[in-house]
Amino acid sequence: MTQNRIVQYVLDSFHELGKVVWPTKNRAINICVLVVSFVLISAFAVAGIDYLFHAGYAYLLTLAQN
């Protein structure tokens, strides 16, 4: 019984994959460029915030030593 359900699941999965509308090559490239750009912008934003927090913390440490 379980094997029959697994086989049916696999068959249904392949049937559903036939219904998928795959993107064209140009659309896939555009999406990839968009994702990479967003990741780079996010990484630079996080790095900038990290730098500001580090600079602020270092400044507070110098104030505490004086």
N, C-alpha and C. Protein backbone atom coordinates (compact mmCIF):
# COMPACT_ATOMS: atom_id res chain seq x y z
N MET A 1 0.81 -1.19 0.00
CA MET A 1 0.00 0.00 0.00
C MET A 1 0.86 1.26 0.00
N THR A 2 1.89 1.30 0.82
CA THR A 2 2.75 2.47 0.91
C THR A 2 3.53 2.67 -0.38
N GLN A 3 4.01 1.59 -0.97
CA GLN A 3 4.76 1.69 -2.22
C GLN A 3 3.87 2.24 -3.33
N ASN A 4 2.63 1.86 -3.36
CA ASN A 4 1.69 2.34 -4.36
C ASN A 4 1.49 3.85 -4.22
N ARG A 5 1.41 4.33 -2.98
CA ARG A 5 1.23 5.76 -2.74
C ARG A 5 2.47 6.55 -3.15
N ILE A 6 3.65 5.99 -2.92
CA ILE A 6 4.90 6.65 -3.31
C ILE A 6 5.00 6.75 -4.82
N VAL A 7 4.66 5.67 -5.52
CA VAL A 7 4.68 5.68 -6.98
C VAL A 7 3.69 6.71 -7.51
N GLN A 8 2.51 6.76 -6.92
CA GLN A 8 1.50 7.74 -7.35
C GLN A 8 1.99 9.16 -7.10
N TYR A 9 2.66 9.38 -5.98
CA TYR A 9 3.21 10.70 -5.66
C TYR A 9 4.23 11.14 -6.70
N VAL A 10 5.14 10.24 -7.06
CA VAL A 10 6.17 10.55 -8.05
C VAL A 10 5.53 10.83 -9.41
N LEU A 11 4.56 10.03 -9.81
CA LEU A 11 3.87 10.27 -11.08
C LEU A 11 3.14 11.61 -11.08
N ASP A 12 2.47 11.93 -9.99
CA ASP A 12 1.79 13.22 -9.88
C ASP A 12 2.78 14.38 -9.91
N SER A 13 3.94 14.19 -9.29
CA SER A 13 4.95 15.24 -9.29
C SER A 13 5.43 15.53 -10.71
N PHE A 14 5.71 14.48 -11.48
CA PHE A 14 6.13 14.70 -12.86
C PHE A 14 5.01 15.31 -13.69
N HIS A 15 3.78 14.94 -13.42
CA HIS A 15 2.64 15.52 -14.13
C HIS A 15 2.55 17.02 -13.85
N GLU A 16 2.75 17.42 -12.59
CA GLU A 16 2.70 18.84 -12.23
C GLU A 16 3.87 19.61 -12.83
N LEU A 17 5.03 18.98 -12.93
CA LEU A 17 6.19 19.65 -13.55
C LEU A 17 5.91 19.99 -15.01
N GLY A 18 5.07 19.20 -15.66
CA GLY A 18 4.71 19.50 -17.05
C GLY A 18 3.86 20.75 -17.17
N LYS A 19 3.22 21.17 -16.09
CA LYS A 19 2.37 22.35 -16.09
C LYS A 19 3.14 23.64 -15.79
N VAL A 20 4.39 23.50 -15.35
CA VAL A 20 5.18 24.66 -14.96
C VAL A 20 5.53 25.49 -16.18
N VAL A 21 5.39 26.81 -16.04
CA VAL A 21 5.81 27.73 -17.11
C VAL A 21 7.22 28.19 -16.76
N TRP A 22 8.19 27.64 -17.47
CA TRP A 22 9.58 27.96 -17.19
C TRP A 22 9.94 29.31 -17.81
N PRO A 23 10.79 30.09 -17.14
CA PRO A 23 11.17 31.39 -17.70
C PRO A 23 12.08 31.23 -18.91
N THR A 24 12.05 32.25 -19.76
CA THR A 24 12.96 32.24 -20.91
C THR A 24 14.38 32.52 -20.41
N LYS A 25 15.34 32.32 -21.28
CA LYS A 25 16.74 32.53 -20.91
C LYS A 25 16.96 33.99 -20.50
N ASN A 26 16.43 34.93 -21.28
CA ASN A 26 16.62 36.35 -20.96
C ASN A 26 15.96 36.72 -19.63
N ARG A 27 14.78 36.18 -19.38
CA ARG A 27 14.08 36.46 -18.12
C ARG A 27 14.88 35.90 -16.94
N ALA A 28 15.42 34.70 -17.10
CA ALA A 28 16.20 34.08 -16.03
C ALA A 28 17.47 34.89 -15.75
N ILE A 29 18.11 35.39 -16.81
CA ILE A 29 19.31 36.21 -16.64
C ILE A 29 18.95 37.51 -15.93
N ASN A 30 17.83 38.14 -16.32
CA ASN A 30 17.41 39.38 -15.67
C ASN A 30 17.12 39.17 -14.19
N ILE A 31 16.45 38.09 -13.87
CA ILE A 31 16.16 37.79 -12.47
C ILE A 31 17.45 37.54 -11.69
N CYS A 32 18.39 36.83 -12.31
CA CYS A 32 19.67 36.54 -11.66
C CYS A 32 20.44 37.82 -11.39
N VAL A 33 20.47 38.72 -12.35
CA VAL A 33 21.17 40.00 -12.18
C VAL A 33 20.50 40.80 -11.06
N LEU A 34 19.18 40.79 -11.03
CA LEU A 34 18.44 41.51 -9.99
C LEU A 34 18.77 40.96 -8.61
N VAL A 35 18.79 39.65 -8.49
CA VAL A 35 19.09 39.02 -7.19
C VAL A 35 20.52 39.31 -6.74
N VAL A 36 21.47 39.19 -7.66
CA VAL A 36 22.87 39.46 -7.31
C VAL A 36 23.04 40.92 -6.91
N SER A 37 22.39 41.83 -7.64
CA SER A 37 22.47 43.26 -7.30
C SER A 37 21.90 43.52 -5.92
N PHE A 38 20.75 42.94 -5.63
CA PHE A 38 20.13 43.13 -4.32
C PHE A 38 21.01 42.58 -3.21
N VAL A 39 21.62 41.44 -3.43
CA VAL A 39 22.49 40.84 -2.41
C VAL A 39 23.71 41.73 -2.17
N LEU A 40 24.31 42.26 -3.25
CA LEU A 40 25.48 43.13 -3.09
C LEU A 40 25.11 44.42 -2.36
N ILE A 41 23.99 45.02 -2.74
CA ILE A 41 23.55 46.26 -2.07
C ILE A 41 23.29 45.98 -0.60
N SER A 42 22.64 44.86 -0.29
CA SER A 42 22.37 44.51 1.10
C SER A 42 23.66 44.26 1.87
N ALA A 43 24.62 43.60 1.23
CA ALA A 43 25.89 43.32 1.90
C ALA A 43 26.64 44.61 2.21
N PHE A 44 26.64 45.55 1.25
CA PHE A 44 27.31 46.83 1.51
C PHE A 44 26.58 47.62 2.60
N ALA A 45 25.26 47.56 2.63
CA ALA A 45 24.51 48.26 3.67
C ALA A 45 24.83 47.67 5.05
N VAL A 46 24.86 46.36 5.16
CA VAL A 46 25.18 45.72 6.44
C VAL A 46 26.62 46.03 6.84
N ALA A 47 27.53 46.01 5.87
CA ALA A 47 28.94 46.32 6.16
C ALA A 47 29.07 47.77 6.63
N GLY A 48 28.33 48.68 6.01
CA GLY A 48 28.38 50.08 6.42
C GLY A 48 27.84 50.28 7.83
N ILE A 49 26.74 49.63 8.14
CA ILE A 49 26.18 49.73 9.49
C ILE A 49 27.14 49.12 10.51
N ASP A 50 27.76 48.01 10.15
CA ASP A 50 28.73 47.37 11.03
C ASP A 50 29.92 48.30 11.27
N TYR A 51 30.37 48.97 10.21
CA TYR A 51 31.49 49.90 10.35
C TYR A 51 31.11 51.05 11.29
N LEU A 52 29.90 51.59 11.13
CA LEU A 52 29.46 52.69 11.99
C LEU A 52 29.37 52.24 13.46
N PHE A 53 28.83 51.06 13.70
CA PHE A 53 28.76 50.57 15.08
C PHE A 53 30.16 50.34 15.64
N HIS A 54 31.07 49.82 14.83
CA HIS A 54 32.44 49.59 15.29
C HIS A 54 33.11 50.92 15.62
N ALA A 55 32.94 51.91 14.75
CA ALA A 55 33.54 53.22 14.99
C ALA A 55 32.94 53.86 16.25
N GLY A 56 31.65 53.74 16.42
CA GLY A 56 31.01 54.28 17.62
C GLY A 56 31.48 53.60 18.88
N TYR A 57 31.62 52.29 18.82
CA TYR A 57 32.09 51.53 19.98
C TYR A 57 33.53 51.91 20.30
N ALA A 58 34.37 52.04 19.28
CA ALA A 58 35.77 52.44 19.50
C ALA A 58 35.83 53.83 20.11
N TYR A 59 34.97 54.73 19.65
CA TYR A 59 34.93 56.08 20.22
C TYR A 59 34.52 56.05 21.68
N LEU A 60 33.52 55.24 22.01
CA LEU A 60 33.09 55.13 23.39
C LEU A 60 34.21 54.55 24.28
N LEU A 61 34.98 53.62 23.74
CA LEU A 61 36.09 53.06 24.51
C LEU A 61 37.15 54.11 24.78
N THR A 62 37.42 54.97 23.79
CA THR A 62 38.43 56.02 24.02
C THR A 62 37.92 57.04 25.04
N LEU A 63 36.61 57.30 25.03
CA LEU A 63 36.05 58.21 26.04
C LEU A 63 36.15 57.59 27.43
N ALA A 64 35.96 56.30 27.53
CA ALA A 64 36.00 55.62 28.83
C ALA A 64 37.42 55.58 29.38
N GLN A 65 38.42 55.58 28.53
CA GLN A 65 39.81 55.50 28.99
C GLN A 65 40.29 56.85 29.50
N ASN A 66 39.69 57.93 29.01
CA ASN A 66 40.15 59.26 29.42
C ASN A 66 39.56 59.69 30.71
